[in-house]
Amino acid sequence: MPAARLIPMKPRDPHEPGRVSSSLELFFDLVFAVAVAVASAQLHDSFAGGRVWDGLVSYALVFFGVWWAWMNFTWFATSFAAEDWLYKLLTILQMAGVLVLTAGIPPVFAGNGFTLLVLGYVVMRVAMVAQWLRAAHQSGSHRRTTLAYAVGIAAATRRGTRTTSPNATACSR
């Protein structure tokens, strides 16, 4: 049995011909599409129930978190090449975080708090910080930039989780 080896994570060549998304990256996108679909369904229900403002505020909060996490991973996957077991494990961990976040969307819209949403977001962000730190360790000339991403994500996640009470609602009801 061959040993599970880590492949050095190197910056992608911006002129790389024929770069296409891997099956894992496409599945990653699908998991995020489910989160957006659940948020959209909750927005529809809010509108149908006459809670337009609450629905809009809740949707904006949820969508921003989902979009920001997706965008950062997409930027990372476009910038660095590695298809080894650790990259895949961290990517799957991020997808698990998205699923937990998705399970937390209905409670946000119902005014029952942010606990699951924040937990899922933290799982996603911790895995993403690990990806950026790994890239910083192995990317040489891009070390400063990758460390800046890792520190920025960690700081923003810490600040966001400290300022969001787990039992807060999107807006007063």
Protein backbone atom coordinates (compact mmCIF):
# COMPACT_ATOMS: atom_id res chain seq x y z
CA MET A 1 0.00 0.00 0.00
CA PRO A 2 1.52 3.35 -0.97
CA ALA A 3 2.09 5.83 1.84
CA ALA A 4 -0.25 8.79 2.03
CA ARG A 5 2.02 11.66 1.13
CA LEU A 6 1.49 15.37 1.20
CA ILE A 7 2.10 17.15 -2.05
CA PRO A 8 3.83 20.51 -1.72
CA MET A 9 1.27 23.28 -2.15
CA LYS A 10 2.54 25.64 -4.80
CA PRO A 11 1.04 28.75 -6.38
CA ARG A 12 -0.77 28.01 -9.61
CA ASP A 13 0.59 29.36 -12.85
CA PRO A 14 -1.83 32.15 -13.87
CA HIS A 15 -1.30 31.11 -17.47
CA GLU A 16 -2.03 27.42 -16.80
CA PRO A 17 -3.84 26.11 -19.89
CA GLY A 18 -7.04 24.14 -19.51
CA ARG A 19 -7.51 24.50 -15.73
CA VAL A 20 -10.89 23.02 -14.84
CA SER A 21 -12.59 22.47 -11.51
CA SER A 22 -12.06 19.13 -9.83
CA SER A 23 -14.99 16.90 -8.86
CA LEU A 24 -14.42 17.89 -5.23
CA GLU A 25 -14.56 21.61 -6.09
CA LEU A 26 -17.80 21.08 -8.01
CA PHE A 27 -19.30 19.19 -5.07
CA PHE A 28 -18.12 22.02 -2.80
CA ASP A 29 -20.02 24.48 -5.01
CA LEU A 30 -23.13 22.29 -4.84
CA VAL A 31 -23.09 22.27 -1.04
CA PHE A 32 -23.01 26.07 -1.07
CA ALA A 33 -25.84 26.14 -3.62
CA VAL A 34 -27.94 24.14 -1.15
CA ALA A 35 -27.23 26.74 1.56
CA VAL A 36 -28.33 29.55 -0.75
CA ALA A 37 -31.45 27.57 -1.72
CA VAL A 38 -32.41 27.05 1.92
CA ALA A 39 -31.87 30.75 2.66
CA SER A 40 -33.94 31.67 -0.41
CA ALA A 41 -36.77 29.38 0.66
CA GLN A 42 -36.74 30.97 4.11
CA LEU A 43 -36.81 34.43 2.50
CA HIS A 44 -39.84 33.37 0.46
CA ASP A 45 -41.60 32.13 3.59
CA SER A 46 -40.82 35.41 5.36
CA PHE A 47 -42.30 37.37 2.49
CA ALA A 48 -45.38 35.12 2.36
CA GLY A 49 -45.84 35.59 6.11
CA GLY A 50 -45.67 39.37 5.85
CA ARG A 51 -42.28 39.61 7.57
CA VAL A 52 -40.55 41.37 4.69
CA TRP A 53 -38.04 43.45 6.68
CA ASP A 54 -37.10 40.55 8.99
CA GLY A 55 -36.70 38.28 5.98
CA LEU A 56 -34.50 40.74 4.12
CA VAL A 57 -32.22 41.35 7.11
CA SER A 58 -31.93 37.65 7.91
CA TYR A 59 -31.27 36.77 4.28
CA ALA A 60 -28.60 39.47 3.95
CA LEU A 61 -26.78 38.18 7.04
CA VAL A 62 -26.95 34.56 5.98
CA PHE A 63 -26.11 35.16 2.33
CA PHE A 64 -23.12 37.34 3.15
CA GLY A 65 -21.62 34.63 5.38
CA VAL A 66 -22.21 31.92 2.79
CA TRP A 67 -20.95 34.00 -0.13
CA TRP A 68 -17.88 35.25 1.74
CA ALA A 69 -16.80 31.73 2.72
CA TRP A 70 -17.42 30.39 -0.80
CA MET A 71 -15.56 33.27 -2.41
CA ASN A 72 -12.51 32.83 -0.18
CA PHE A 73 -12.27 29.11 -0.94
CA THR A 74 -12.67 29.77 -4.65
CA TRP A 75 -9.89 32.35 -4.51
CA PHE A 76 -7.70 29.87 -2.63
CA ALA A 77 -8.38 26.93 -4.97
CA THR A 78 -7.68 29.13 -7.97
CA SER A 79 -4.41 30.34 -6.46
CA PHE A 80 -2.84 27.16 -5.07
CA ALA A 81 -2.47 23.65 -6.42
CA ALA A 82 -2.69 20.56 -4.23
CA GLU A 83 -4.87 17.52 -4.56
CA ASP A 84 -3.51 15.45 -1.70
CA TRP A 85 -5.36 13.90 1.23
CA LEU A 86 -4.95 16.91 3.54
CA TYR A 87 -6.35 19.36 0.99
CA LYS A 88 -9.29 17.04 0.39
CA LEU A 89 -9.88 16.48 4.12
CA LEU A 90 -9.86 20.22 4.86
CA THR A 91 -12.18 20.86 1.92
CA ILE A 92 -14.60 18.18 3.14
CA LEU A 93 -14.42 19.71 6.64
CA GLN A 94 -15.40 23.05 5.11
CA MET A 95 -18.34 21.36 3.38
CA ALA A 96 -19.41 19.86 6.73
CA GLY A 97 -19.32 23.38 8.16
CA VAL A 98 -21.54 24.58 5.34
CA LEU A 99 -24.05 21.83 6.09
CA VAL A 100 -24.12 22.78 9.79
CA LEU A 101 -24.51 26.44 8.79
CA THR A 102 -27.34 25.43 6.45
CA ALA A 103 -29.09 23.62 9.31
CA GLY A 104 -28.85 26.87 11.26
CA ILE A 105 -30.59 29.01 8.62
CA PRO A 106 -34.23 28.20 9.54
CA PRO A 107 -33.69 29.06 13.23
CA VAL A 108 -32.25 32.45 12.22
CA PHE A 109 -35.34 33.25 10.16
CA ALA A 110 -37.62 31.99 12.94
CA GLY A 111 -35.91 34.26 15.46
CA ASN A 112 -34.48 31.35 17.44
CA GLY A 113 -30.86 32.46 17.36
CA PHE A 114 -27.63 32.00 15.51
CA THR A 115 -26.06 29.07 17.39
CA LEU A 116 -25.92 26.49 14.56
CA LEU A 117 -25.19 29.14 11.93
CA VAL A 118 -22.22 30.48 13.90
CA LEU A 119 -20.95 26.98 14.71
CA GLY A 120 -21.01 26.01 11.02
CA TYR A 121 -19.34 29.28 10.03
CA VAL A 122 -16.54 28.74 12.56
CA VAL A 123 -15.92 25.19 11.29
CA MET A 124 -15.68 26.52 7.71
CA ARG A 125 -13.34 29.34 8.66
CA VAL A 126 -11.02 27.21 10.83
CA ALA A 127 -10.56 24.79 7.93
CA MET A 128 -9.92 27.70 5.55
CA VAL A 129 -7.33 29.22 7.90
CA ALA A 130 -5.60 25.82 7.98
CA GLN A 131 -5.50 25.83 4.15
CA TRP A 132 -3.98 29.34 4.06
CA LEU A 133 -1.42 28.45 6.77
CA ARG A 134 -0.41 25.37 4.84
CA ALA A 135 0.02 27.49 1.71
CA ALA A 136 2.07 30.01 3.73
CA HIS A 137 4.35 27.23 4.92
CA GLN A 138 4.96 25.91 1.41
CA SER A 139 4.57 28.79 -1.04
CA GLY A 140 7.81 30.70 -0.57
CA SER A 141 7.44 34.12 -2.14
CA HIS A 142 3.70 34.26 -1.38
CA ARG A 143 4.17 33.62 2.34
CA ARG A 144 3.38 37.16 3.43
CA THR A 145 0.13 37.28 1.45
CA THR A 146 -1.05 33.85 2.55
CA LEU A 147 -0.31 34.68 6.19
CA ALA A 148 -2.27 37.91 5.80
CA TYR A 149 -5.28 35.91 4.54
CA ALA A 150 -5.00 33.40 7.40
CA VAL A 151 -4.70 36.10 10.07
CA GLY A 152 -7.45 38.21 8.49
CA ILE A 153 -9.91 35.32 8.34
CA ALA A 154 -9.10 34.24 11.89
CA ALA A 155 -9.46 37.77 13.24
CA ALA A 156 -12.70 38.44 11.37
CA THR A 157 -14.17 35.11 12.49
CA ARG A 158 -13.18 35.73 16.09
CA ARG A 159 -14.60 39.23 16.03
CA GLY A 160 -17.80 38.09 14.33
CA THR A 161 -18.42 35.30 16.81
CA ARG A 162 -17.75 37.58 19.78
CA THR A 163 -20.17 40.26 18.59
CA THR A 164 -22.96 37.86 17.62
CA SER A 165 -24.82 36.56 20.60
CA PRO A 166 -25.81 32.94 19.95
CA ASN A 167 -29.39 33.74 20.96
CA ALA A 168 -29.66 37.06 19.12
CA THR A 169 -32.19 37.48 16.38
CA ALA A 170 -31.57 39.25 13.09
CA CYS A 171 -33.79 42.14 14.11
CA SER A 172 -36.26 42.91 16.85
CA ARG A 173 -39.60 41.21 16.46
